[in-house]
């Protein structure tokens, strides 16, 4: 994920989500939200 530019390592166990990574995270969130609402 770091090599592909999805995340940035701030420190051990702490990561920032960059544009591509945030899109993945939001897509996962969308799937889960649909199922929880259902």
ModelCIF file with pLDDT and N, C-alpha, C, O atoms, coordinates in Angstrom:
data_MODEL
#
_entry.id   MODEL 
#
_entity.id                         1 
_entity.type                       polymer 
_entity.pdbx_number_of_molecules   1 
#
_entity_poly.entity_id                      1 
_entity_poly.type                           'polypeptide(L)' 
_entity_poly.nstd_linkage                   no 
_entity_poly.nstd_monomer                   no 
_entity_poly.pdbx_seq_one_letter_code       
;(UNK)(UNK)(UNK)(UNK)(UNK)(UNK)(UNK)(UNK)(UNK)(UNK)(UNK)(UNK)(UNK)(UNK)(UNK)(UNK)
(UNK)(UNK)(UNK)(UNK)(UNK)(UNK)(UNK)(UNK)(UNK)(UNK)(UNK)(UNK)(UNK)(UNK)(UNK)(UNK)
(UNK)(UNK)(UNK)(UNK)(UNK)(UNK)
;
_entity_poly.pdbx_seq_one_letter_code_can   XXXXXXXXXXXXXXXXXXXXXXXXXXXXXXXXXXXXXX 
_entity_poly.pdbx_strand_id                 A 
#
loop_
_entity_poly_seq.entity_id 
_entity_poly_seq.num 
_entity_poly_seq.mon_id 
_entity_poly_seq.hetero 
1 1  UNK n 
1 2  UNK n 
1 3  UNK n 
1 4  UNK n 
1 5  UNK n 
1 6  UNK n 
1 7  UNK n 
1 8  UNK n 
1 9  UNK n 
1 10 UNK n 
1 11 UNK n 
1 12 UNK n 
1 13 UNK n 
1 14 UNK n 
1 15 UNK n 
1 16 UNK n 
1 17 UNK n 
1 18 UNK n 
1 19 UNK n 
1 20 UNK n 
1 21 UNK n 
1 22 UNK n 
1 23 UNK n 
1 24 UNK n 
1 25 UNK n 
1 26 UNK n 
1 27 UNK n 
1 28 UNK n 
1 29 UNK n 
1 30 UNK n 
1 31 UNK n 
1 32 UNK n 
1 33 UNK n 
1 34 UNK n 
1 35 UNK n 
1 36 UNK n 
1 37 UNK n 
1 38 UNK n 
#
_struct_asym.id          A 
_struct_asym.entity_id   1 
#
loop_
_ma_qa_metric.id 
_ma_qa_metric.mode 
_ma_qa_metric.name 
_ma_qa_metric.software_group_id 
_ma_qa_metric.type 
1 global pLDDT . pLDDT 
2 local  pLDDT . pLDDT 
#
_ma_qa_metric_global.metric_id      1 
_ma_qa_metric_global.metric_value   96.84 
_ma_qa_metric_global.model_id       1 
_ma_qa_metric_global.ordinal_id     1 
#
loop_
_ma_qa_metric_local.label_asym_id 
_ma_qa_metric_local.label_comp_id 
_ma_qa_metric_local.label_seq_id 
_ma_qa_metric_local.metric_id 
_ma_qa_metric_local.metric_value 
_ma_qa_metric_local.model_id 
_ma_qa_metric_local.ordinal_id 
A UNK 1  2 98.00 1 1  
A UNK 2  2 97.00 1 2  
A UNK 3  2 97.00 1 3  
A UNK 4  2 98.00 1 4  
A UNK 5  2 97.00 1 5  
A UNK 6  2 98.00 1 6  
A UNK 7  2 97.00 1 7  
A UNK 8  2 96.00 1 8  
A UNK 9  2 94.00 1 9  
A UNK 10 2 93.00 1 10 
A UNK 11 2 91.00 1 11 
A UNK 12 2 89.00 1 12 
A UNK 13 2 91.00 1 13 
A UNK 14 2 95.00 1 14 
A UNK 15 2 96.00 1 15 
A UNK 16 2 97.00 1 16 
A UNK 17 2 98.00 1 17 
A UNK 18 2 98.00 1 18 
A UNK 19 2 98.00 1 19 
A UNK 20 2 98.00 1 20 
A UNK 21 2 98.00 1 21 
A UNK 22 2 98.00 1 22 
A UNK 23 2 98.00 1 23 
A UNK 24 2 98.00 1 24 
A UNK 25 2 98.00 1 25 
A UNK 26 2 98.00 1 26 
A UNK 27 2 98.00 1 27 
A UNK 28 2 98.00 1 28 
A UNK 29 2 98.00 1 29 
A UNK 30 2 98.00 1 30 
A UNK 31 2 98.00 1 31 
A UNK 32 2 98.00 1 32 
A UNK 33 2 98.00 1 33 
A UNK 34 2 98.00 1 34 
A UNK 35 2 98.00 1 35 
A UNK 36 2 98.00 1 36 
A UNK 37 2 98.00 1 37 
A UNK 38 2 98.00 1 38 
#
loop_
_atom_site.group_PDB 
_atom_site.id 
_atom_site.type_symbol 
_atom_site.label_atom_id 
_atom_site.label_alt_id 
_atom_site.label_comp_id 
_atom_site.label_asym_id 
_atom_site.label_entity_id 
_atom_site.label_seq_id 
_atom_site.pdbx_PDB_ins_code 
_atom_site.Cartn_x 
_atom_site.Cartn_y 
_atom_site.Cartn_z 
_atom_site.occupancy 
_atom_site.B_iso_or_equiv 
_atom_site.pdbx_formal_charge 
_atom_site.auth_seq_id 
_atom_site.auth_comp_id 
_atom_site.auth_asym_id 
_atom_site.auth_atom_id 
_atom_site.pdbx_PDB_model_num 
ATOM 1   N N  . UNK A 1 1  ? 0.824   -1.214 0.000  1.00 98.00 ? 1  UNK A N  1 
ATOM 2   C CA . UNK A 1 1  ? 0.000   0.000  0.000  1.00 98.00 ? 1  UNK A CA 1 
ATOM 3   C C  . UNK A 1 1  ? 0.856   1.262  0.000  1.00 98.00 ? 1  UNK A C  1 
ATOM 4   O O  . UNK A 1 1  ? 0.485   2.258  -0.621 1.00 98.00 ? 1  UNK A O  1 
ATOM 5   N N  . UNK A 1 2  ? 1.991   1.234  0.683  1.00 97.00 ? 2  UNK A N  1 
ATOM 6   C CA . UNK A 1 2  ? 2.906   2.379  0.659  1.00 97.00 ? 2  UNK A CA 1 
ATOM 7   C C  . UNK A 1 2  ? 3.551   2.507  -0.706 1.00 97.00 ? 2  UNK A C  1 
ATOM 8   O O  . UNK A 1 2  ? 3.611   3.602  -1.265 1.00 97.00 ? 2  UNK A O  1 
ATOM 9   N N  . UNK A 1 3  ? 4.034   1.399  -1.251 1.00 97.00 ? 3  UNK A N  1 
ATOM 10  C CA . UNK A 1 3  ? 4.681   1.437  -2.568 1.00 97.00 ? 3  UNK A CA 1 
ATOM 11  C C  . UNK A 1 3  ? 3.733   1.937  -3.654 1.00 97.00 ? 3  UNK A C  1 
ATOM 12  O O  . UNK A 1 3  ? 4.148   2.651  -4.566 1.00 97.00 ? 3  UNK A O  1 
ATOM 13  N N  . UNK A 1 4  ? 2.453   1.557  -3.551 1.00 98.00 ? 4  UNK A N  1 
ATOM 14  C CA . UNK A 1 4  ? 1.478   1.941  -4.578 1.00 98.00 ? 4  UNK A CA 1 
ATOM 15  C C  . UNK A 1 4  ? 0.874   3.318  -4.331 1.00 98.00 ? 4  UNK A C  1 
ATOM 16  O O  . UNK A 1 4  ? 0.094   3.802  -5.152 1.00 98.00 ? 4  UNK A O  1 
ATOM 17  N N  . UNK A 1 5  ? 1.219   3.957  -3.215 1.00 97.00 ? 5  UNK A N  1 
ATOM 18  C CA . UNK A 1 5  ? 0.736   5.314  -2.949 1.00 97.00 ? 5  UNK A CA 1 
ATOM 19  C C  . UNK A 1 5  ? -0.648  5.394  -2.331 1.00 97.00 ? 5  UNK A C  1 
ATOM 20  O O  . UNK A 1 5  ? -1.340  6.400  -2.489 1.00 97.00 ? 5  UNK A O  1 
ATOM 21  N N  . UNK A 1 6  ? -1.064  4.332  -1.620 1.00 98.00 ? 6  UNK A N  1 
ATOM 22  C CA . UNK A 1 6  ? -2.386  4.332  -0.990 1.00 98.00 ? 6  UNK A CA 1 
ATOM 23  C C  . UNK A 1 6  ? -2.349  4.916  0.417  1.00 98.00 ? 6  UNK A C  1 
ATOM 24  O O  . UNK A 1 6  ? -3.301  5.567  0.849  1.00 98.00 ? 6  UNK A O  1 
ATOM 25  N N  . UNK A 1 7  ? -1.256  4.686  1.125  1.00 97.00 ? 7  UNK A N  1 
ATOM 26  C CA . UNK A 1 7  ? -1.158  5.132  2.517  1.00 97.00 ? 7  UNK A CA 1 
ATOM 27  C C  . UNK A 1 7  ? 0.222   5.729  2.773  1.00 97.00 ? 7  UNK A C  1 
ATOM 28  O O  . UNK A 1 7  ? 1.162   5.522  2.006  1.00 97.00 ? 7  UNK A O  1 
ATOM 29  N N  . UNK A 1 8  ? 0.317   6.478  3.876  1.00 96.00 ? 8  UNK A N  1 
ATOM 30  C CA . UNK A 1 8  ? 1.593   7.033  4.338  1.00 96.00 ? 8  UNK A CA 1 
ATOM 31  C C  . UNK A 1 8  ? 1.776   6.629  5.792  1.00 96.00 ? 8  UNK A C  1 
ATOM 32  O O  . UNK A 1 8  ? 0.864   6.791  6.603  1.00 96.00 ? 8  UNK A O  1 
ATOM 33  N N  . UNK A 1 9  ? 2.948   6.105  6.123  1.00 94.00 ? 9  UNK A N  1 
ATOM 34  C CA . UNK A 1 9  ? 3.219   5.687  7.492  1.00 94.00 ? 9  UNK A CA 1 
ATOM 35  C C  . UNK A 1 9  ? 3.691   6.883  8.308  1.00 94.00 ? 9  UNK A C  1 
ATOM 36  O O  . UNK A 1 9  ? 4.748   7.460  8.053  1.00 94.00 ? 9  UNK A O  1 
ATOM 37  N N  . UNK A 1 10 ? 2.874   7.238  9.299  1.00 93.00 ? 10 UNK A N  1 
ATOM 38  C CA . UNK A 1 10 ? 3.217   8.354  10.177 1.00 93.00 ? 10 UNK A CA 1 
ATOM 39  C C  . UNK A 1 10 ? 4.180   7.880  11.268 1.00 93.00 ? 10 UNK A C  1 
ATOM 40  O O  . UNK A 1 10 ? 5.182   8.528  11.570 1.00 93.00 ? 10 UNK A O  1 
ATOM 41  N N  . UNK A 1 11 ? 3.843   6.737  11.839 1.00 91.00 ? 11 UNK A N  1 
ATOM 42  C CA . UNK A 1 11 ? 4.677   6.077  12.848 1.00 91.00 ? 11 UNK A CA 1 
ATOM 43  C C  . UNK A 1 11 ? 4.160   4.659  12.974 1.00 91.00 ? 11 UNK A C  1 
ATOM 44  O O  . UNK A 1 11 ? 3.171   4.308  12.329 1.00 91.00 ? 11 UNK A O  1 
ATOM 45  N N  . UNK A 1 12 ? 4.801   3.835  13.788 1.00 89.00 ? 12 UNK A N  1 
ATOM 46  C CA . UNK A 1 12 ? 4.373   2.445  13.933 1.00 89.00 ? 12 UNK A CA 1 
ATOM 47  C C  . UNK A 1 12 ? 2.910   2.375  14.360 1.00 89.00 ? 12 UNK A C  1 
ATOM 48  O O  . UNK A 1 12 ? 2.531   2.932  15.390 1.00 89.00 ? 12 UNK A O  1 
ATOM 49  N N  . UNK A 1 13 ? 2.090   1.689  13.565 1.00 91.00 ? 13 UNK A N  1 
ATOM 50  C CA . UNK A 1 13 ? 0.681   1.514  13.891 1.00 91.00 ? 13 UNK A CA 1 
ATOM 51  C C  . UNK A 1 13 ? -0.200  2.699  13.570 1.00 91.00 ? 13 UNK A C  1 
ATOM 52  O O  . UNK A 1 13 ? -1.379  2.698  13.923 1.00 91.00 ? 13 UNK A O  1 
ATOM 53  N N  . UNK A 1 14 ? 0.343   3.723  12.903 1.00 95.00 ? 14 UNK A N  1 
ATOM 54  C CA . UNK A 1 14 ? -0.432  4.933  12.577 1.00 95.00 ? 14 UNK A CA 1 
ATOM 55  C C  . UNK A 1 14 ? -0.186  5.279  11.116 1.00 95.00 ? 14 UNK A C  1 
ATOM 56  O O  . UNK A 1 14 ? 0.947   5.545  10.717 1.00 95.00 ? 14 UNK A O  1 
ATOM 57  N N  . UNK A 1 15 ? -1.258  5.275  10.314 1.00 96.00 ? 15 UNK A N  1 
ATOM 58  C CA . UNK A 1 15 ? -1.146  5.480  8.869  1.00 96.00 ? 15 UNK A CA 1 
ATOM 59  C C  . UNK A 1 15 ? -2.146  6.525  8.386  1.00 96.00 ? 15 UNK A C  1 
ATOM 60  O O  . UNK A 1 15 ? -3.289  6.570  8.842  1.00 96.00 ? 15 UNK A O  1 
ATOM 61  N N  . UNK A 1 16 ? -1.697  7.359  7.459  1.00 97.00 ? 16 UNK A N  1 
ATOM 62  C CA . UNK A 1 16 ? -2.582  8.299  6.776  1.00 97.00 ? 16 UNK A CA 1 
ATOM 63  C C  . UNK A 1 16 ? -3.073  7.648  5.487  1.00 97.00 ? 16 UNK A C  1 
ATOM 64  O O  . UNK A 1 16 ? -2.323  6.935  4.822  1.00 97.00 ? 16 UNK A O  1 
ATOM 65  N N  . UNK A 1 17 ? -4.330  7.895  5.137  1.00 98.00 ? 17 UNK A N  1 
ATOM 66  C CA . UNK A 1 17 ? -4.898  7.354  3.906  1.00 98.00 ? 17 UNK A CA 1 
ATOM 67  C C  . UNK A 1 17 ? -4.881  8.446  2.835  1.00 98.00 ? 17 UNK A C  1 
ATOM 68  O O  . UNK A 1 17 ? -5.487  9.505  2.995  1.00 98.00 ? 17 UNK A O  1 
ATOM 69  N N  . UNK A 1 18 ? -4.178  8.163  1.753  1.00 98.00 ? 18 UNK A N  1 
ATOM 70  C CA . UNK A 1 18 ? -4.004  9.098  0.648  1.00 98.00 ? 18 UNK A CA 1 
ATOM 71  C C  . UNK A 1 18 ? -5.164  8.937  -0.333 1.00 98.00 ? 18 UNK A C  1 
ATOM 72  O O  . UNK A 1 18 ? -6.016  8.077  -0.115 1.00 98.00 ? 18 UNK A O  1 
ATOM 73  N N  . UNK A 1 19 ? -5.229  9.739  -1.413 1.00 98.00 ? 19 UNK A N  1 
ATOM 74  C CA . UNK A 1 19 ? -6.429  9.723  -2.271 1.00 98.00 ? 19 UNK A CA 1 
ATOM 75  C C  . UNK A 1 19 ? -6.908  8.335  -2.701 1.00 98.00 ? 19 UNK A C  1 
ATOM 76  O O  . UNK A 1 19 ? -8.095  8.032  -2.580 1.00 98.00 ? 19 UNK A O  1 
ATOM 77  N N  . UNK A 1 20 ? -6.009  7.494  -3.198 1.00 98.00 ? 20 UNK A N  1 
ATOM 78  C CA . UNK A 1 20 ? -6.435  6.165  -3.635 1.00 98.00 ? 20 UNK A CA 1 
ATOM 79  C C  . UNK A 1 20 ? -6.877  5.312  -2.451 1.00 98.00 ? 20 UNK A C  1 
ATOM 80  O O  . UNK A 1 20 ? -7.878  4.600  -2.534 1.00 98.00 ? 20 UNK A O  1 
ATOM 81  N N  . UNK A 1 21 ? -6.133  5.383  -1.352 1.00 98.00 ? 21 UNK A N  1 
ATOM 82  C CA . UNK A 1 21 ? -6.476  4.598  -0.168 1.00 98.00 ? 21 UNK A CA 1 
ATOM 83  C C  . UNK A 1 21 ? -7.797  5.003  0.441  1.00 98.00 ? 21 UNK A C  1 
ATOM 84  O O  . UNK A 1 21 ? -8.569  4.157  0.893  1.00 98.00 ? 21 UNK A O  1 
ATOM 85  N N  . UNK A 1 22 ? -8.059  6.304  0.453  1.00 98.00 ? 22 UNK A N  1 
ATOM 86  C CA . UNK A 1 22 ? -9.321  6.788  1.018  1.00 98.00 ? 22 UNK A CA 1 
ATOM 87  C C  . UNK A 1 22 ? -10.500 6.319  0.178  1.00 98.00 ? 22 UNK A C  1 
ATOM 88  O O  . UNK A 1 22 ? -11.560 6.009  0.722  1.00 98.00 ? 22 UNK A O  1 
ATOM 89  N N  . UNK A 1 23 ? -10.334 6.262  -1.129 1.00 98.00 ? 23 UNK A N  1 
ATOM 90  C CA . UNK A 1 23 ? -11.418 5.777  -1.989 1.00 98.00 ? 23 UNK A CA 1 
ATOM 91  C C  . UNK A 1 23 ? -11.751 4.316  -1.668 1.00 98.00 ? 23 UNK A C  1 
ATOM 92  O O  . UNK A 1 23 ? -12.922 3.938  -1.637 1.00 98.00 ? 23 UNK A O  1 
ATOM 93  N N  . UNK A 1 24 ? -10.725 3.502  -1.432 1.00 98.00 ? 24 UNK A N  1 
ATOM 94  C CA . UNK A 1 24 ? -10.968 2.104  -1.056 1.00 98.00 ? 24 UNK A CA 1 
ATOM 95  C C  . UNK A 1 24 ? -11.715 2.044  0.265  1.00 98.00 ? 24 UNK A C  1 
ATOM 96  O O  . UNK A 1 24 ? -12.701 1.318  0.396  1.00 98.00 ? 24 UNK A O  1 
ATOM 97  N N  . UNK A 1 25 ? -11.248 2.801  1.234  1.00 98.00 ? 25 UNK A N  1 
ATOM 98  C CA . UNK A 1 25 ? -11.870 2.811  2.561  1.00 98.00 ? 25 UNK A CA 1 
ATOM 99  C C  . UNK A 1 25 ? -13.339 3.232  2.477  1.00 98.00 ? 25 UNK A C  1 
ATOM 100 O O  . UNK A 1 25 ? -14.193 2.644  3.140  1.00 98.00 ? 25 UNK A O  1 
ATOM 101 N N  . UNK A 1 26 ? -13.632 4.249  1.661  1.00 98.00 ? 26 UNK A N  1 
ATOM 102 C CA . UNK A 1 26 ? -15.008 4.729  1.506  1.00 98.00 ? 26 UNK A CA 1 
ATOM 103 C C  . UNK A 1 26 ? -15.881 3.700  0.793  1.00 98.00 ? 26 UNK A C  1 
ATOM 104 O O  . UNK A 1 26 ? -17.073 3.594  1.084  1.00 98.00 ? 26 UNK A O  1 
ATOM 105 N N  . UNK A 1 27 ? -15.303 2.941  -0.137 1.00 98.00 ? 27 UNK A N  1 
ATOM 106 C CA . UNK A 1 27 ? -16.073 1.896  -0.809 1.00 98.00 ? 27 UNK A CA 1 
ATOM 107 C C  . UNK A 1 27 ? -16.441 0.776  0.165  1.00 98.00 ? 27 UNK A C  1 
ATOM 108 O O  . UNK A 1 27 ? -17.553 0.249  0.122  1.00 98.00 ? 27 UNK A O  1 
ATOM 109 N N  . UNK A 1 28 ? -15.502 0.415  1.041  1.00 98.00 ? 28 UNK A N  1 
ATOM 110 C CA . UNK A 1 28 ? -15.799 -0.583 2.077  1.00 98.00 ? 28 UNK A CA 1 
ATOM 111 C C  . UNK A 1 28 ? -16.885 -0.055 3.006  1.00 98.00 ? 28 UNK A C  1 
ATOM 112 O O  . UNK A 1 28 ? -17.811 -0.778 3.373  1.00 98.00 ? 28 UNK A O  1 
ATOM 113 N N  . UNK A 1 29 ? -16.759 1.204  3.377  1.00 98.00 ? 29 UNK A N  1 
ATOM 114 C CA . UNK A 1 29 ? -17.753 1.835  4.255  1.00 98.00 ? 29 UNK A CA 1 
ATOM 115 C C  . UNK A 1 29 ? -19.137 1.811  3.611  1.00 98.00 ? 29 UNK A C  1 
ATOM 116 O O  . UNK A 1 29 ? -20.132 1.554  4.289  1.00 98.00 ? 29 UNK A O  1 
ATOM 117 N N  . UNK A 1 30 ? -19.205 2.076  2.323  1.00 98.00 ? 30 UNK A N  1 
ATOM 118 C CA . UNK A 1 30 ? -20.492 2.090  1.613  1.00 98.00 ? 30 UNK A CA 1 
ATOM 119 C C  . UNK A 1 30 ? -21.163 0.709  1.658  1.00 98.00 ? 30 UNK A C  1 
ATOM 120 O O  . UNK A 1 30 ? -22.366 0.599  1.892  1.00 98.00 ? 30 UNK A O  1 
ATOM 121 N N  . UNK A 1 31 ? -20.365 -0.338 1.430  1.00 98.00 ? 31 UNK A N  1 
ATOM 122 C CA . UNK A 1 31 ? -20.905 -1.702 1.463  1.00 98.00 ? 31 UNK A CA 1 
ATOM 123 C C  . UNK A 1 31 ? -21.457 -2.024 2.848  1.00 98.00 ? 31 UNK A C  1 
ATOM 124 O O  . UNK A 1 31 ? -22.559 -2.557 2.976  1.00 98.00 ? 31 UNK A O  1 
ATOM 125 N N  . UNK A 1 32 ? -20.687 -1.697 3.878  1.00 98.00 ? 32 UNK A N  1 
ATOM 126 C CA . UNK A 1 32 ? -21.111 -2.001 5.244  1.00 98.00 ? 32 UNK A CA 1 
ATOM 127 C C  . UNK A 1 32 ? -22.343 -1.181 5.628  1.00 98.00 ? 32 UNK A C  1 
ATOM 128 O O  . UNK A 1 32 ? -23.260 -1.698 6.267  1.00 98.00 ? 32 UNK A O  1 
ATOM 129 N N  . UNK A 1 33 ? -22.365 0.089  5.241  1.00 98.00 ? 33 UNK A N  1 
ATOM 130 C CA . UNK A 1 33 ? -23.516 0.941  5.578  1.00 98.00 ? 33 UNK A CA 1 
ATOM 131 C C  . UNK A 1 33 ? -24.798 0.381  4.952  1.00 98.00 ? 33 UNK A C  1 
ATOM 132 O O  . UNK A 1 33 ? -25.838 0.331  5.609  1.00 98.00 ? 33 UNK A O  1 
ATOM 133 N N  . UNK A 1 34 ? -24.727 -0.032 3.711  1.00 98.00 ? 34 UNK A N  1 
ATOM 134 C CA . UNK A 1 34 ? -25.913 -0.610 3.058  1.00 98.00 ? 34 UNK A CA 1 
ATOM 135 C C  . UNK A 1 34 ? -26.440 -1.813 3.840  1.00 98.00 ? 34 UNK A C  1 
ATOM 136 O O  . UNK A 1 34 ? -27.648 -1.948 4.035  1.00 98.00 ? 34 UNK A O  1 
ATOM 137 N N  . UNK A 1 35 ? -25.542 -2.680 4.283  1.00 98.00 ? 35 UNK A N  1 
ATOM 138 C CA . UNK A 1 35 ? -25.968 -3.883 4.998  1.00 98.00 ? 35 UNK A CA 1 
ATOM 139 C C  . UNK A 1 35 ? -26.497 -3.553 6.395  1.00 98.00 ? 35 UNK A C  1 
ATOM 140 O O  . UNK A 1 35 ? -27.455 -4.175 6.856  1.00 98.00 ? 35 UNK A O  1 
ATOM 141 N N  . UNK A 1 36 ? -25.889 -2.595 7.062  1.00 98.00 ? 36 UNK A N  1 
ATOM 142 C CA . UNK A 1 36 ? -26.369 -2.215 8.396  1.00 98.00 ? 36 UNK A CA 1 
ATOM 143 C C  . UNK A 1 36 ? -27.738 -1.541 8.315  1.00 98.00 ? 36 UNK A C  1 
ATOM 144 O O  . UNK A 1 36 ? -28.612 -1.797 9.142  1.00 98.00 ? 36 UNK A O  1 
ATOM 145 N N  . UNK A 1 37 ? -27.915 -0.687 7.322  1.00 98.00 ? 37 UNK A N  1 
ATOM 146 C CA . UNK A 1 37 ? -29.224 -0.041 7.141  1.00 98.00 ? 37 UNK A CA 1 
ATOM 147 C C  . UNK A 1 37 ? -30.297 -1.068 6.799  1.00 98.00 ? 37 UNK A C  1 
ATOM 148 O O  . UNK A 1 37 ? -31.444 -0.943 7.227  1.00 98.00 ? 37 UNK A O  1 
ATOM 149 N N  . UNK A 1 38 ? -29.920 -2.084 6.024  1.00 98.00 ? 38 UNK A N  1 
ATOM 150 C CA . UNK A 1 38 ? -30.891 -3.089 5.587  1.00 98.00 ? 38 UNK A CA 1 
ATOM 151 C C  . UNK A 1 38 ? -31.440 -3.908 6.748  1.00 98.00 ? 38 UNK A C  1 
ATOM 152 O O  . UNK A 1 38 ? -32.268 -4.795 6.541  1.00 98.00 ? 38 UNK A O  1 
#
